[in-house]
C-alpha atoms as a PDB file:
ATOM      1  CA  MET A   1     -24.399  -9.977   1.448  1.00  0.00           C
ATOM      2  CA  PHE A   2     -21.070  -8.435   0.554  1.00  0.00           C
ATOM      3  CA  LEU A   3     -19.568  -8.657  -2.890  1.00  0.00           C
ATOM      4  CA  PHE A   4     -15.899  -7.850  -3.329  1.00  0.00           C
ATOM      5  CA  PHE A   5     -13.702  -7.592  -6.365  1.00  0.00           C
ATOM      6  CA  SER A   6     -10.029  -8.439  -6.233  1.00  0.00           C
ATOM      7  CA  ARG A   7      -7.029  -7.657  -8.348  1.00  0.00           C
ATOM      8  CA  PHE A   8      -3.366  -8.548  -8.187  1.00  0.00           C
ATOM      9  CA  ASN A   9      -1.045  -5.669  -8.991  1.00  0.00           C
ATOM     10  CA  THR A  10       2.264  -6.481 -10.619  1.00  0.00           C
ATOM     11  CA  ASN A  11       5.188  -4.215  -9.875  1.00  0.00           C
ATOM     12  CA  ASP A  12       7.783  -4.345 -12.651  1.00  0.00           C
ATOM     13  CA  THR A  13       9.561  -1.182 -11.482  1.00  0.00           C
ATOM     14  CA  GLN A  14      12.916  -0.949  -9.714  1.00  0.00           C
ATOM     15  CA  THR A  15      11.110   0.254  -6.559  1.00  0.00           C
ATOM     16  CA  PRO A  16       9.697  -2.677  -4.567  1.00  0.00           C
ATOM     17  CA  PHE A  17       6.488  -2.693  -2.569  1.00  0.00           C
ATOM     18  CA  ILE A  18       7.138  -2.389   1.163  1.00  0.00           C
ATOM     19  CA  THR A  19       5.110  -3.775   4.041  1.00  0.00           C
ATOM     20  CA  THR A  20       4.809  -3.018   7.743  1.00  0.00           C
ATOM     21  CA  ASP A  21       3.656  -4.436  11.037  1.00  0.00           C
ATOM     22  CA  GLN A  22       0.167  -3.391   9.832  1.00  0.00           C
ATOM     23  CA  PRO A  23       0.207  -4.973   6.353  1.00  0.00           C
ATOM     24  CA  LEU A  24      -3.480  -4.566   5.452  1.00  0.00           C
ATOM     25  CA  ILE A  25      -4.635  -0.980   4.937  1.00  0.00           C
ATOM     26  CA  ASN A  26      -7.694   0.806   3.625  1.00  0.00           C
ATOM     27  CA  LEU A  27      -6.554   3.131   0.859  1.00  0.00           C
ATOM     28  CA  LYS A  28      -9.794   5.124   1.201  1.00  0.00           C
ATOM     29  CA  ALA A  29      -9.170   5.939   4.881  1.00  0.00           C
ATOM     30  CA  ASN A  30      -7.403   9.076   6.023  1.00  0.00           C
ATOM     31  CA  ARG A  31      -5.630   8.328   9.294  1.00  0.00           C
ATOM     32  CA  CYS A  32      -5.230  12.038  10.023  1.00  0.00           C
ATOM     33  CA  LEU A  33      -8.962  12.703  10.013  1.00  0.00           C
ATOM     34  CA  ASP A  34     -11.387  11.332  12.550  1.00  0.00           C
ATOM     35  CA  GLU A  35     -14.285  10.674  10.220  1.00  0.00           C
ATOM     36  CA  SER A  36     -16.421   7.745   9.201  1.00  0.00           C
ATOM     37  CA  ILE A  37     -15.368   5.887   6.086  1.00  0.00           C
ATOM     38  CA  GLU A  38     -17.955   5.267   3.398  1.00  0.00           C
ATOM     39  CA  ASP A  39     -15.865   3.245   0.939  1.00  0.00           C
ATOM     40  CA  PHE A  40     -12.944   0.943   1.203  1.00  0.00           C
ATOM     41  CA  GLU A  41     -10.166  -0.355  -0.940  1.00  0.00           C
ATOM     42  CA  LEU A  42      -8.031  -2.863   0.952  1.00  0.00           C
ATOM     43  CA  TYR A  43      -4.385  -3.049  -0.032  1.00  0.00           C
ATOM     44  CA  TYR A  44      -2.125  -5.935   0.951  1.00  0.00           C
ATOM     45  CA  PRO A  45       1.414  -6.236  -0.455  1.00  0.00           C
ATOM     46  CA  ILE A  46       2.351  -9.911  -0.606  1.00  0.00           C
ATOM     47  CA  SER A  47       5.848  -9.588  -2.069  1.00  0.00           C
ATOM     48  CA  PRO A  48       8.141  -6.838  -3.394  1.00  0.00           C
ATOM     49  CA  ASN A  49       6.482  -7.176  -6.789  1.00  0.00           C
ATOM     50  CA  LYS A  50       2.917  -8.381  -6.070  1.00  0.00           C
ATOM     51  CA  ALA A  51       0.055  -6.812  -4.151  1.00  0.00           C
ATOM     52  CA  LEU A  52      -3.583  -7.719  -3.655  1.00  0.00           C
ATOM     53  CA  ILE A  53      -6.295  -5.067  -3.711  1.00  0.00           C
ATOM     54  CA  LEU A  54      -9.884  -5.771  -2.672  1.00  0.00           C
ATOM     55  CA  TYR A  55     -12.581  -3.411  -3.931  1.00  0.00           C
ATOM     56  CA  GLU A  56     -16.144  -2.849  -2.897  1.00  0.00           C
ATOM     57  CA  LYS A  57     -17.068  -1.830  -6.438  1.00  0.00           C
ATOM     58  CA  ASP A  58     -15.998  -3.277  -9.744  1.00  0.00           C
ATOM     59  CA  VAL A  59     -13.314  -1.098 -11.288  1.00  0.00           C
ATOM     60  CA  SER A  60     -11.554  -1.553 -14.564  1.00  0.00           C
ATOM     61  CA  LEU A  61      -7.954  -0.737 -13.738  1.00  0.00           C
ATOM     62  CA  GLY A  62      -4.872  -2.358 -15.167  1.00  0.00           C
ATOM     63  CA  ASP A  63      -2.942  -4.864 -13.114  1.00  0.00           C
ATOM     64  CA  CYS A  64       0.498  -3.257 -13.584  1.00  0.00           C
ATOM     65  CA  VAL A  65       1.615  -0.236 -11.621  1.00  0.00           C
ATOM     66  CA  ASN A  66       4.123   2.475 -12.497  1.00  0.00           C
ATOM     67  CA  LYS A  67       6.853   3.863 -10.236  1.00  0.00           C
ATOM     68  CA  GLU A  68       4.744   6.827  -9.094  1.00  0.00           C
ATOM     69  CA  LYS A  69       1.936   4.495  -7.966  1.00  0.00           C
ATOM     70  CA  VAL A  70       4.411   2.242  -6.132  1.00  0.00           C
ATOM     71  CA  ILE A  71       5.833   5.265  -4.306  1.00  0.00           C
ATOM     72  CA  GLU A  72       2.310   6.429  -3.400  1.00  0.00           C
ATOM     73  CA  LEU A  73       1.342   2.974  -2.092  1.00  0.00           C
ATOM     74  CA  ASN A  74       4.603   2.668  -0.155  1.00  0.00           C
ATOM     75  CA  LYS A  75       4.035   6.060   1.462  1.00  0.00           C
ATOM     76  CA  LYS A  76       0.541   5.061   2.596  1.00  0.00           C
ATOM     77  CA  MET A  77       1.870   1.748   3.870  1.00  0.00           C
ATOM     78  CA  ALA A  78       4.689   3.453   5.811  1.00  0.00           C
ATOM     79  CA  GLU A  79       2.206   5.910   7.327  1.00  0.00           C
ATOM     80  CA  SER A  80       0.190   2.977   8.672  1.00  0.00           C
ATOM     81  CA  ALA A  81       3.143   1.361  10.455  1.00  0.00           C
ATOM     82  CA  LEU A  82       3.056   1.254  14.216  1.00  0.00           C
ATOM     83  CA  GLU A  83       6.692   0.312  14.780  1.00  0.00           C
ATOM     84  CA  GLN A  84       8.207  -1.607  11.869  1.00  0.00           C
ATOM     85  CA  ILE A  85       8.669  -1.169   8.127  1.00  0.00           C
ATOM     86  CA  TYR A  86       9.993  -3.965   5.909  1.00  0.00           C
ATOM     87  CA  ALA A  87      11.663  -3.627   2.506  1.00  0.00           C
ATOM     88  CA  ASN A  88      13.967  -5.802   0.454  1.00  0.00           C
ATOM     89  CA  LYS A  89      16.157  -2.837  -0.539  1.00  0.00           C
ATOM     90  CA  LYS A  90      18.045  -0.731   1.975  1.00  0.00           C
ATOM     91  CA  SER A  91      17.618   2.412  -0.124  1.00  0.00           C
ATOM     92  CA  VAL A  92      13.816   2.052  -0.103  1.00  0.00           C
ATOM     93  CA  LEU A  93      13.784   1.471   3.648  1.00  0.00           C
ATOM     94  CA  LYS A  94      15.980   4.546   4.207  1.00  0.00           C
ATOM     95  CA  GLN A  95      13.630   6.672   2.088  1.00  0.00           C
ATOM     96  CA  CYS A  96      10.595   5.493   4.076  1.00  0.00           C
ATOM     97  CA  CYS A  97      12.359   6.260   7.354  1.00  0.00           C
ATOM     98  CA  LYS A  98      13.432   9.680   6.090  1.00  0.00           C
ATOM     99  CA  GLU A  99       9.844  10.553   5.174  1.00  0.00           C
ATOM    100  CA  ARG A 100       8.679   9.548   8.678  1.00  0.00           C
ATOM    101  CA  ASN A 101      11.588  11.354  10.383  1.00  0.00           C
ATOM    102  CA  ILE A 102      13.008   8.096  11.766  1.00  0.00           C
ATOM    103  CA  THR A 103      16.751   7.802  12.186  1.00  0.00           C
END
């Protein structure tokens, strides 16, 4: 039997969450390394200011995120994209494309 814990993150910053054509990612996975993954932490942004995280273990984290955390999550999300990145602000989309060397 699997037991999962969930949490909604609220983003009250000026930087919105982004999403991609691969909107569900494991934050514990490293796409650059070909290794087995022991843990997982599934991240799914559902709007520019809300995201769902599913945990394998109970963690006591707050439900609000700061700008640095939003940027970190957006970077991981952009790295997981196959072809498309979605954002509700052009400036955020441009920054994601710049980081991935997309013109």
